Amino acid sequence: MRWGLRATSEPCGFEPTYQELASAVREEYPDIEIESRLGGTGAFEIEINGQLVFSKLENGGFPYEKDLIEAIRRARNGEPLEKITNSRPPCVIL
């Protein structure tokens, strides 16, 4: 199974979020293939087996780990994939 996401560096930087999500996925599914691609439009998209399941441009934030893990579980079980619609804020400014 391939889980791919496209990320770009913006003022808050997406790399830490990508690493956090990738680490959570690897912990739950050590055999999964993860591919990252850089973009330049502020996109942060997650595809599972080529199907878009999350878009920061559509949701305004990043996915929660639990929602991503659930989407991967569904894909591995052969269940239909649905888009992740919950998102956490993209930046926290203290």
PDB file of N, CA and C in Angstrom:
ATOM      1  N   MET A   1       0.855  -1.170   0.000  1.00  0.00           N
ATOM      2  CA  MET A   1       0.000   0.000   0.000  1.00  0.00           C
ATOM      3  C   MET A   1       0.900   1.231   0.000  1.00  0.00           C
ATOM      4  N   ARG A   2       0.534   2.224  -0.757  1.00  0.00           N
ATOM      5  CA  ARG A   2       1.305   3.459  -0.796  1.00  0.00           C
ATOM      6  C   ARG A   2       0.482   4.588  -0.207  1.00  0.00           C
ATOM      7  N   TRP A   3       1.093   5.297   0.694  1.00  0.00           N
ATOM      8  CA  TRP A   3       0.488   6.494   1.286  1.00  0.00           C
ATOM      9  C   TRP A   3       1.374   7.631   0.842  1.00  0.00           C
ATOM     10  N   GLY A   4       0.854   8.527   0.036  1.00  0.00           N
ATOM     11  CA  GLY A   4       1.675   9.618  -0.465  1.00  0.00           C
ATOM     12  C   GLY A   4       1.089  10.946  -0.051  1.00  0.00           C
ATOM     13  N   LEU A   5       1.939  11.897   0.214  1.00  0.00           N
ATOM     14  CA  LEU A   5       1.428  13.220   0.512  1.00  0.00           C
ATOM     15  C   LEU A   5       2.329  14.257  -0.122  1.00  0.00           C
ATOM     16  N   ARG A   6       1.735  15.349  -0.452  1.00  0.00           N
ATOM     17  CA  ARG A   6       2.439  16.463  -1.064  1.00  0.00           C
ATOM     18  C   ARG A   6       2.500  17.572  -0.021  1.00  0.00           C
ATOM     19  N   ALA A   7       3.664  18.116   0.233  1.00  0.00           N
ATOM     20  CA  ALA A   7       3.804  19.188   1.222  1.00  0.00           C
ATOM     21  C   ALA A   7       4.674  20.287   0.650  1.00  0.00           C
ATOM     22  N   THR A   8       4.521  21.456   1.176  1.00  0.00           N
ATOM     23  CA  THR A   8       5.339  22.592   0.751  1.00  0.00           C
ATOM     24  C   THR A   8       5.744  23.394   1.976  1.00  0.00           C
ATOM     25  N   SER A   9       6.816  24.132   1.876  1.00  0.00           N
ATOM     26  CA  SER A   9       7.254  24.968   2.992  1.00  0.00           C
ATOM     27  C   SER A   9       6.572  26.322   2.917  1.00  0.00           C
ATOM     28  N   GLU A  10       5.796  26.623   3.875  1.00  0.00           N
ATOM     29  CA  GLU A  10       5.102  27.899   4.013  1.00  0.00           C
ATOM     30  C   GLU A  10       5.632  28.561   5.281  1.00  0.00           C
ATOM     31  N   PRO A  11       5.130  29.741   5.658  1.00  0.00           N
ATOM     32  CA  PRO A  11       5.647  30.409   6.852  1.00  0.00           C
ATOM     33  C   PRO A  11       5.691  29.520   8.102  1.00  0.00           C
ATOM     34  N   CYS A  12       4.687  28.685   8.302  1.00  0.00           N
ATOM     35  CA  CYS A  12       4.694  27.820   9.491  1.00  0.00           C
ATOM     36  C   CYS A  12       5.464  26.540   9.237  1.00  0.00           C
ATOM     37  N   GLY A  13       5.707  26.196   7.972  1.00  0.00           N
ATOM     38  CA  GLY A  13       6.464  24.995   7.640  1.00  0.00           C
ATOM     39  C   GLY A  13       5.635  23.730   7.820  1.00  0.00           C
ATOM     40  N   PHE A  14       5.556  22.926   6.772  1.00  0.00           N
ATOM     41  CA  PHE A  14       4.757  21.694   6.822  1.00  0.00           C
ATOM     42  C   PHE A  14       5.592  20.475   7.162  1.00  0.00           C
ATOM     43  N   GLU A  15       6.907  20.571   7.077  1.00  0.00           N
ATOM     44  CA  GLU A  15       7.774  19.422   7.302  1.00  0.00           C
ATOM     45  C   GLU A  15       7.567  18.778   8.679  1.00  0.00           C
ATOM     46  N   PRO A  16       7.490  19.557   9.770  1.00  0.00           N
ATOM     47  CA  PRO A  16       7.260  18.917  11.071  1.00  0.00           C
ATOM     48  C   PRO A  16       5.942  18.153  11.128  1.00  0.00           C
ATOM     49  N   THR A  17       4.903  18.693  10.509  1.00  0.00           N
ATOM     50  CA  THR A  17       3.611  18.006  10.502  1.00  0.00           C
ATOM     51  C   THR A  17       3.706  16.729   9.684  1.00  0.00           C
ATOM     52  N   TYR A  18       4.359  16.799   8.541  1.00  0.00           N
ATOM     53  CA  TYR A  18       4.564  15.603   7.719  1.00  0.00           C
ATOM     54  C   TYR A  18       5.301  14.536   8.519  1.00  0.00           C
ATOM     55  N   GLN A  19       6.394  14.911   9.177  1.00  0.00           N
ATOM     56  CA  GLN A  19       7.188  13.949   9.954  1.00  0.00           C
ATOM     57  C   GLN A  19       6.360  13.341  11.084  1.00  0.00           C
ATOM     58  N   GLU A  20       5.561  14.160  11.744  1.00  0.00           N
ATOM     59  CA  GLU A  20       4.708  13.682  12.840  1.00  0.00           C
ATOM     60  C   GLU A  20       3.702  12.639  12.329  1.00  0.00           C
ATOM     61  N   LEU A  21       3.043  12.948  11.222  1.00  0.00           N
ATOM     62  CA  LEU A  21       2.061  12.014  10.657  1.00  0.00           C
ATOM     63  C   LEU A  21       2.739  10.749  10.140  1.00  0.00           C
ATOM     64  N   ALA A  22       3.867  10.907   9.441  1.00  0.00           N
ATOM     65  CA  ALA A  22       4.587   9.750   8.913  1.00  0.00           C
ATOM     66  C   ALA A  22       5.046   8.835  10.046  1.00  0.00           C
ATOM     67  N   SER A  23       5.514   9.411  11.136  1.00  0.00           N
ATOM     68  CA  SER A  23       5.961   8.623  12.288  1.00  0.00           C
ATOM     69  C   SER A  23       4.794   7.842  12.899  1.00  0.00           C
ATOM     70  N   ALA A  24       3.652   8.492  13.030  1.00  0.00           N
ATOM     71  CA  ALA A  24       2.476   7.821  13.595  1.00  0.00           C
ATOM     72  C   ALA A  24       2.028   6.671  12.704  1.00  0.00           C
ATOM     73  N   VAL A  25       2.075   6.890  11.394  1.00  0.00           N
ATOM     74  CA  VAL A  25       1.671   5.834  10.454  1.00  0.00           C
ATOM     75  C   VAL A  25       2.653   4.676  10.512  1.00  0.00           C
ATOM     76  N   ARG A  26       3.939   4.973  10.513  1.00  0.00           N
ATOM     77  CA  ARG A  26       4.957   3.900  10.578  1.00  0.00           C
ATOM     78  C   ARG A  26       4.854   3.100  11.870  1.00  0.00           C
ATOM     79  N   GLU A  27       4.505   3.774  12.956  1.00  0.00           N
ATOM     80  CA  GLU A  27       4.366   3.076  14.234  1.00  0.00           C
ATOM     81  C   GLU A  27       3.208   2.078  14.177  1.00  0.00           C
ATOM     82  N   GLU A  28       2.114   2.480  13.562  1.00  0.00           N
ATOM     83  CA  GLU A  28       0.929   1.626  13.468  1.00  0.00           C
ATOM     84  C   GLU A  28       1.060   0.579  12.358  1.00  0.00           C
ATOM     85  N   TYR A  29       1.666   0.982  11.232  1.00  0.00           N
ATOM     86  CA  TYR A  29       1.798   0.121  10.054  1.00  0.00           C
ATOM     87  C   TYR A  29       3.243   0.152   9.558  1.00  0.00           C
ATOM     88  N   PRO A  30       4.147  -0.619  10.173  1.00  0.00           N
ATOM     89  CA  PRO A  30       5.565  -0.544   9.818  1.00  0.00           C
ATOM     90  C   PRO A  30       5.876  -0.963   8.377  1.00  0.00           C
ATOM     91  N   ASP A  31       4.985  -1.707   7.735  1.00  0.00           N
ATOM     92  CA  ASP A  31       5.246  -2.193   6.385  1.00  0.00           C
ATOM     93  C   ASP A  31       4.728  -1.273   5.287  1.00  0.00           C
ATOM     94  N   ILE A  32       4.157  -0.150   5.642  1.00  0.00           N
ATOM     95  CA  ILE A  32       3.544   0.739   4.657  1.00  0.00           C
ATOM     96  C   ILE A  32       4.610   1.546   3.913  1.00  0.00           C
ATOM     97  N   GLU A  33       4.378   1.802   2.622  1.00  0.00           N
ATOM     98  CA  GLU A  33       5.257   2.662   1.836  1.00  0.00           C
ATOM     99  C   GLU A  33       4.781   4.097   1.969  1.00  0.00           C
ATOM    100  N   ILE A  34       5.681   4.992   2.303  1.00  0.00           N
ATOM    101  CA  ILE A  34       5.340   6.409   2.412  1.00  0.00           C
ATOM    102  C   ILE A  34       6.194   7.173   1.411  1.00  0.00           C
ATOM    103  N   GLU A  35       5.545   7.973   0.616  1.00  0.00           N
ATOM    104  CA  GLU A  35       6.227   8.770  -0.401  1.00  0.00           C
ATOM    105  C   GLU A  35       5.847  10.228  -0.187  1.00  0.00           C
ATOM    106  N   SER A  36       6.816  11.104  -0.158  1.00  0.00           N
ATOM    107  CA  SER A  36       6.495  12.526  -0.041  1.00  0.00           C
ATOM    108  C   SER A  36       6.931  13.236  -1.316  1.00  0.00           C
ATOM    109  N   ARG A  37       6.148  14.213  -1.677  1.00  0.00           N
ATOM    110  CA  ARG A  37       6.458  15.045  -2.844  1.00  0.00           C
ATOM    111  C   ARG A  37       6.280  16.488  -2.413  1.00  0.00           C
ATOM    112  N   LEU A  38       7.184  17.322  -2.832  1.00  0.00           N
ATOM    113  CA  LEU A  38       7.078  18.741  -2.505  1.00  0.00           C
ATOM    114  C   LEU A  38       6.260  19.448  -3.569  1.00  0.00           C
ATOM    115  N   GLY A  39       5.454  20.392  -3.127  1.00  0.00           N
ATOM    116  CA  GLY A  39       4.671  21.230  -4.034  1.00  0.00           C
ATOM    117  C   GLY A  39       4.966  22.678  -3.717  1.00  0.00           C
ATOM    118  N   GLY A  40       4.309  23.589  -4.406  1.00  0.00           N
ATOM    119  CA  GLY A  40       4.607  24.992  -4.166  1.00  0.00           C
ATOM    120  C   GLY A  40       3.370  25.850  -4.018  1.00  0.00           C
ATOM    121  N   THR A  41       2.232  25.241  -3.762  1.00  0.00           N
ATOM    122  CA  THR A  41       0.983  26.010  -3.748  1.00  0.00           C
ATOM    123  C   THR A  41       0.353  26.098  -2.374  1.00  0.00           C
ATOM    124  N   GLY A  42       1.023  25.646  -1.355  1.00  0.00           N
ATOM    125  CA  GLY A  42       0.422  25.609  -0.027  1.00  0.00           C
ATOM    126  C   GLY A  42      -0.387  24.344   0.188  1.00  0.00           C
ATOM    127  N   ALA A  43      -0.266  23.394  -0.747  1.00  0.00           N
ATOM    128  CA  ALA A  43      -1.028  22.147  -0.648  1.00  0.00           C
ATOM    129  C   ALA A  43      -0.386  21.207   0.363  1.00  0.00           C
ATOM    130  N   PHE A  44      -1.199  20.466   1.027  1.00  0.00           N
ATOM    131  CA  PHE A  44      -0.771  19.359   1.881  1.00  0.00           C
ATOM    132  C   PHE A  44      -1.840  18.315   1.663  1.00  0.00           C
ATOM    133  N   GLU A  45      -1.560  17.373   0.778  1.00  0.00           N
ATOM    134  CA  GLU A  45      -2.557  16.394   0.377  1.00  0.00           C
ATOM    135  C   GLU A  45      -2.076  14.997   0.713  1.00  0.00           C
ATOM    136  N   ILE A  46      -3.024  14.147   1.075  1.00  0.00           N
ATOM    137  CA  ILE A  46      -2.710  12.767   1.386  1.00  0.00           C
ATOM    138  C   ILE A  46      -3.507  11.873   0.463  1.00  0.00           C
ATOM    139  N   GLU A  47      -2.791  10.973  -0.193  1.00  0.00           N
ATOM    140  CA  GLU A  47      -3.407   9.984  -1.052  1.00  0.00           C
ATOM    141  C   GLU A  47      -3.125   8.606  -0.473  1.00  0.00           C
ATOM    142  N   ILE A  48      -4.103   7.740  -0.566  1.00  0.00           N
ATOM    143  CA  ILE A  48      -3.918   6.338  -0.199  1.00  0.00           C
ATOM    144  C   ILE A  48      -4.210   5.544  -1.458  1.00  0.00           C
ATOM    145  N   ASN A  49      -3.205   4.797  -1.914  1.00  0.00           N
ATOM    146  CA  ASN A  49      -3.331   4.022  -3.147  1.00  0.00           C
ATOM    147  C   ASN A  49      -3.829   4.882  -4.296  1.00  0.00           C
ATOM    148  N   GLY A  50      -3.334   6.109  -4.390  1.00  0.00           N
ATOM    149  CA  GLY A  50      -3.676   6.991  -5.486  1.00  0.00           C
ATOM    150  C   GLY A  50      -4.977   7.750  -5.338  1.00  0.00           C
ATOM    151  N   GLN A  51      -5.704   7.516  -4.260  1.00  0.00           N
ATOM    152  CA  GLN A  51      -6.978   8.218  -4.041  1.00  0.00           C
ATOM    153  C   GLN A  51      -6.783   9.326  -3.023  1.00  0.00           C
ATOM    154  N   LEU A  52      -7.170  10.548  -3.391  1.00  0.00           N
ATOM    155  CA  LEU A  52      -7.056  11.689  -2.484  1.00  0.00           C
ATOM    156  C   LEU A  52      -8.016  11.508  -1.315  1.00  0.00           C
ATOM    157  N   VAL A  53      -7.469  11.500  -0.089  1.00  0.00           N
ATOM    158  CA  VAL A  53      -8.317  11.363   1.098  1.00  0.00           C
ATOM    159  C   VAL A  53      -8.277  12.602   1.990  1.00  0.00           C
ATOM    160  N   PHE A  54      -7.295  13.494   1.749  1.00  0.00           N
ATOM    161  CA  PHE A  54      -7.233  14.717   2.547  1.00  0.00           C
ATOM    162  C   PHE A  54      -6.569  15.814   1.737  1.00  0.00           C
ATOM    163  N   SER A  55      -7.106  17.031   1.850  1.00  0.00           N
ATOM    164  CA  SER A  55      -6.510  18.202   1.218  1.00  0.00           C
ATOM    165  C   SER A  55      -6.580  19.375   2.185  1.00  0.00           C
ATOM    166  N   LYS A  56      -5.420  19.930   2.518  1.00  0.00           N
ATOM    167  CA  LYS A  56      -5.365  21.109   3.382  1.00  0.00           C
ATOM    168  C   LYS A  56      -6.061  22.291   2.712  1.00  0.00           C
ATOM    169  N   LEU A  57      -5.966  22.370   1.395  1.00  0.00           N
ATOM    170  CA  LEU A  57      -6.606  23.467   0.679  1.00  0.00           C
ATOM    171  C   LEU A  57      -8.125  23.413   0.836  1.00  0.00           C
ATOM    172  N   GLU A  58      -8.687  22.202   0.939  1.00  0.00           N
ATOM    173  CA  GLU A  58     -10.130  22.051   1.129  1.00  0.00           C
ATOM    174  C   GLU A  58     -10.546  22.219   2.585  1.00  0.00           C
ATOM    175  N   ASN A  59      -9.686  21.770   3.516  1.00  0.00           N
ATOM    176  CA  ASN A  59     -10.063  21.726   4.928  1.00  0.00           C
ATOM    177  C   ASN A  59      -9.480  22.842   5.778  1.00  0.00           C
ATOM    178  N   GLY A  60      -8.457  23.521   5.305  1.00  0.00           N
ATOM    179  CA  GLY A  60      -7.889  24.643   6.036  1.00  0.00           C
ATOM    180  C   GLY A  60      -6.935  24.280   7.150  1.00  0.00           C
ATOM    181  N   GLY A  61      -6.595  23.030   7.306  1.00  0.00           N
ATOM    182  CA  GLY A  61      -5.679  22.616   8.366  1.00  0.00           C
ATOM    183  C   GLY A  61      -5.050  21.286   8.017  1.00  0.00           C
ATOM    184  N   PHE A  62      -4.591  20.587   9.020  1.00  0.00           N
ATOM    185  CA  PHE A  62      -3.946  19.291   8.836  1.00  0.00           C
ATOM    186  C   PHE A  62      -4.825  18.199   9.435  1.00  0.00           C
ATOM    187  N   PRO A  63      -4.684  16.954   8.953  1.00  0.00           N
ATOM    188  CA  PRO A  63      -5.509  15.872   9.491  1.00  0.00           C
ATOM    189  C   PRO A  63      -5.054  15.468  10.886  1.00  0.00           C
ATOM    190  N   TYR A  64      -5.989  14.922  11.636  1.00  0.00           N
ATOM    191  CA  TYR A  64      -5.651  14.321  12.922  1.00  0.00           C
ATOM    192  C   TYR A  64      -5.079  12.932  12.657  1.00  0.00           C
ATOM    193  N   GLU A  65      -4.089  12.541  13.470  1.00  0.00           N
ATOM    194  CA  GLU A  65      -3.455  11.232  13.311  1.00  0.00           C
ATOM    195  C   GLU A  65      -4.489  10.111  13.320  1.00  0.00           C
ATOM    196  N   LYS A  66      -5.430  10.173  14.255  1.00  0.00           N
ATOM    197  CA  LYS A  66      -6.407   9.094  14.395  1.00  0.00           C
ATOM    198  C   LYS A  66      -7.259   8.937  13.145  1.00  0.00           C
ATOM    199  N   ASP A  67      -7.588  10.043  12.483  1.00  0.00           N
ATOM    200  CA  ASP A  67      -8.387   9.975  11.260  1.00  0.00           C
ATOM    201  C   ASP A  67      -7.581   9.360  10.116  1.00  0.00           C
ATOM    202  N   LEU A  68      -6.296   9.700  10.038  1.00  0.00           N
ATOM    203  CA  LEU A  68      -5.442   9.134   9.008  1.00  0.00           C
ATOM    204  C   LEU A  68      -5.238   7.639   9.233  1.00  0.00           C
ATOM    205  N   ILE A  69      -4.974   7.249  10.474  1.00  0.00           N
ATOM    206  CA  ILE A  69      -4.797   5.833  10.799  1.00  0.00           C
ATOM    207  C   ILE A  69      -6.067   5.051  10.454  1.00  0.00           C
ATOM    208  N   GLU A  70      -7.231   5.622  10.744  1.00  0.00           N
ATOM    209  CA  GLU A  70      -8.499   4.970  10.428  1.00  0.00           C
ATOM    210  C   GLU A  70      -8.674   4.819   8.917  1.00  0.00           C
ATOM    211  N   ALA A  71      -8.309   5.833   8.143  1.00  0.00           N
ATOM    212  CA  ALA A  71      -8.431   5.753   6.689  1.00  0.00           C
ATOM    213  C   ALA A  71      -7.525   4.649   6.137  1.00  0.00           C
ATOM    214  N   ILE A  72      -6.316   4.527   6.672  1.00  0.00           N
ATOM    215  CA  ILE A  72      -5.399   3.479   6.232  1.00  0.00           C
ATOM    216  C   ILE A  72      -5.949   2.114   6.621  1.00  0.00           C
ATOM    217  N   ARG A  73      -6.507   1.996   7.824  1.00  0.00           N
ATOM    218  CA  ARG A  73      -7.104   0.731   8.250  1.00  0.00           C
ATOM    219  C   ARG A  73      -8.211   0.308   7.282  1.00  0.00           C
ATOM    220  N   ARG A  74      -9.061   1.268   6.912  1.00  0.00           N
ATOM    221  CA  ARG A  74     -10.158   0.979   5.982  1.00  0.00           C
ATOM    222  C   ARG A  74      -9.610   0.482   4.642  1.00  0.00           C
ATOM    223  N   ALA A  75      -8.568   1.158   4.142  1.00  0.00           N
ATOM    224  CA  ALA A  75      -7.977   0.764   2.859  1.00  0.00           C
ATOM    225  C   ALA A  75      -7.392  -0.638   2.940  1.00  0.00           C
ATOM    226  N   ARG A  76      -6.711  -0.934   4.021  1.00  0.00           N
ATOM    227  CA  ARG A  76      -6.102  -2.262   4.180  1.00  0.00           C
ATOM    228  C   ARG A  76      -7.153  -3.353   4.279  1.00  0.00           C
ATOM    229  N   ASN A  77      -8.322  -3.009   4.798  1.00  0.00           N
ATOM    230  CA  ASN A  77      -9.407  -3.990   4.923  1.00  0.00           C
ATOM    231  C   ASN A  77     -10.275  -4.063   3.670  1.00  0.00           C
ATOM    232  N   GLY A  78      -9.917  -3.288   2.647  1.00  0.00           N
ATOM    233  CA  GLY A  78     -10.679  -3.304   1.410  1.00  0.00           C
ATOM    234  C   GLY A  78     -11.979  -2.522   1.477  1.00  0.00           C
ATOM    235  N   GLU A  79     -12.132  -1.713   2.510  1.00  0.00           N
ATOM    236  CA  GLU A  79     -13.343  -0.905   2.655  1.00  0.00           C
ATOM    237  C   GLU A  79     -13.216   0.349   1.795  1.00  0.00           C
ATOM    238  N   PRO A  80     -14.349   0.941   1.391  1.00  0.00           N
ATOM    239  CA  PRO A  80     -14.289   2.165   0.589  1.00  0.00           C
ATOM    240  C   PRO A  80     -13.637   3.309   1.376  1.00  0.00           C
ATOM    241  N   LEU A  81     -12.841   4.097   0.682  1.00  0.00           N
ATOM    242  CA  LEU A  81     -12.204   5.248   1.308  1.00  0.00           C
ATOM    243  C   LEU A  81     -13.120   6.453   1.234  1.00  0.00           C
ATOM    244  N   GLU A  82     -13.130   7.224   2.299  1.00  0.00           N
ATOM    245  CA  GLU A  82     -13.878   8.472   2.348  1.00  0.00           C
ATOM    246  C   GLU A  82     -12.895   9.583   2.659  1.00  0.00           C
ATOM    247  N   LYS A  83     -13.184  10.781   2.185  1.00  0.00           N
ATOM    248  CA  LYS A  83     -12.301  11.905   2.477  1.00  0.00           C
ATOM    249  C   LYS A  83     -12.330  12.232   3.964  1.00  0.00           C
ATOM    250  N   ILE A  84     -11.170  12.577   4.484  1.00  0.00           N
ATOM    251  CA  ILE A  84     -11.047  13.051   5.856  1.00  0.00           C
ATOM    252  C   ILE A  84     -11.471  14.514   5.855  1.00  0.00           C
ATOM    253  N   THR A  85     -12.465  14.855   6.672  1.00  0.00           N
ATOM    254  CA  THR A  85     -12.976  16.231   6.678  1.00  0.00           C
ATOM    255  C   THR A  85     -12.637  16.989   7.956  1.00  0.00           C
ATOM    256  N   ASN A  86     -12.236  16.285   9.011  1.00  0.00           N
ATOM    257  CA  ASN A  86     -11.808  16.964  10.241  1.00  0.00           C
ATOM    258  C   ASN A  86     -10.393  17.473  10.050  1.00  0.00           C
ATOM    259  N   SER A  87     -10.105  18.639  10.587  1.00  0.00           N
ATOM    260  CA  SER A  87      -8.723  19.128  10.501  1.00  0.00           C
ATOM    261  C   SER A  87      -8.398  19.980  11.713  1.00  0.00           C
ATOM    262  N   ARG A  88      -7.114  19.975  12.040  1.00  0.00           N
ATOM    263  CA  ARG A  88      -6.606  20.822  13.122  1.00  0.00           C
ATOM    264  C   ARG A  88      -6.001  22.071  12.490  1.00  0.00           C
ATOM    265  N   PRO A  89      -5.903  23.156  13.231  1.00  0.00           N
ATOM    266  CA  PRO A  89      -5.368  24.400  12.667  1.00  0.00           C
ATOM    267  C   PRO A  89      -3.968  24.204  12.107  1.00  0.00           C
ATOM    268  N   PRO A  90      -3.614  24.917  11.034  1.00  0.00           N
ATOM    269  CA  PRO A  90      -2.311  24.754  10.423  1.00  0.00           C
ATOM    270  C   PRO A  90      -1.163  25.345  11.228  1.00  0.00           C
ATOM    271  N   CYS A  91      -1.396  26.362  12.049  1.00  0.00           N
ATOM    272  CA  CYS A  91      -0.316  27.018  12.795  1.00  0.00           C
ATOM    273  C   CYS A  91      -0.787  27.392  14.189  1.00  0.00           C
ATOM    274  N   VAL A  92       0.153  27.403  15.102  1.00  0.00           N
ATOM    275  CA  VAL A  92      -0.131  27.929  16.438  1.00  0.00           C
ATOM    276  C   VAL A  92       0.899  29.011  16.695  1.00  0.00           C
ATOM    277  N   ILE A  93       0.429  30.226  16.924  1.00  0.00           N
ATOM    278  CA  ILE A  93       1.343  31.335  17.196  1.00  0.00           C
ATOM    279  C   ILE A  93       1.183  31.716  18.658  1.00  0.00           C
ATOM    280  N   LEU A  94       2.283  31.651  19.390  1.00  0.00           N
ATOM    281  CA  LEU A  94       2.250  31.949  20.821  1.00  0.00           C
ATOM    282  C   LEU A  94       2.660  33.370  21.087  1.00  0.00           C
TER     283      LEU A  94
END
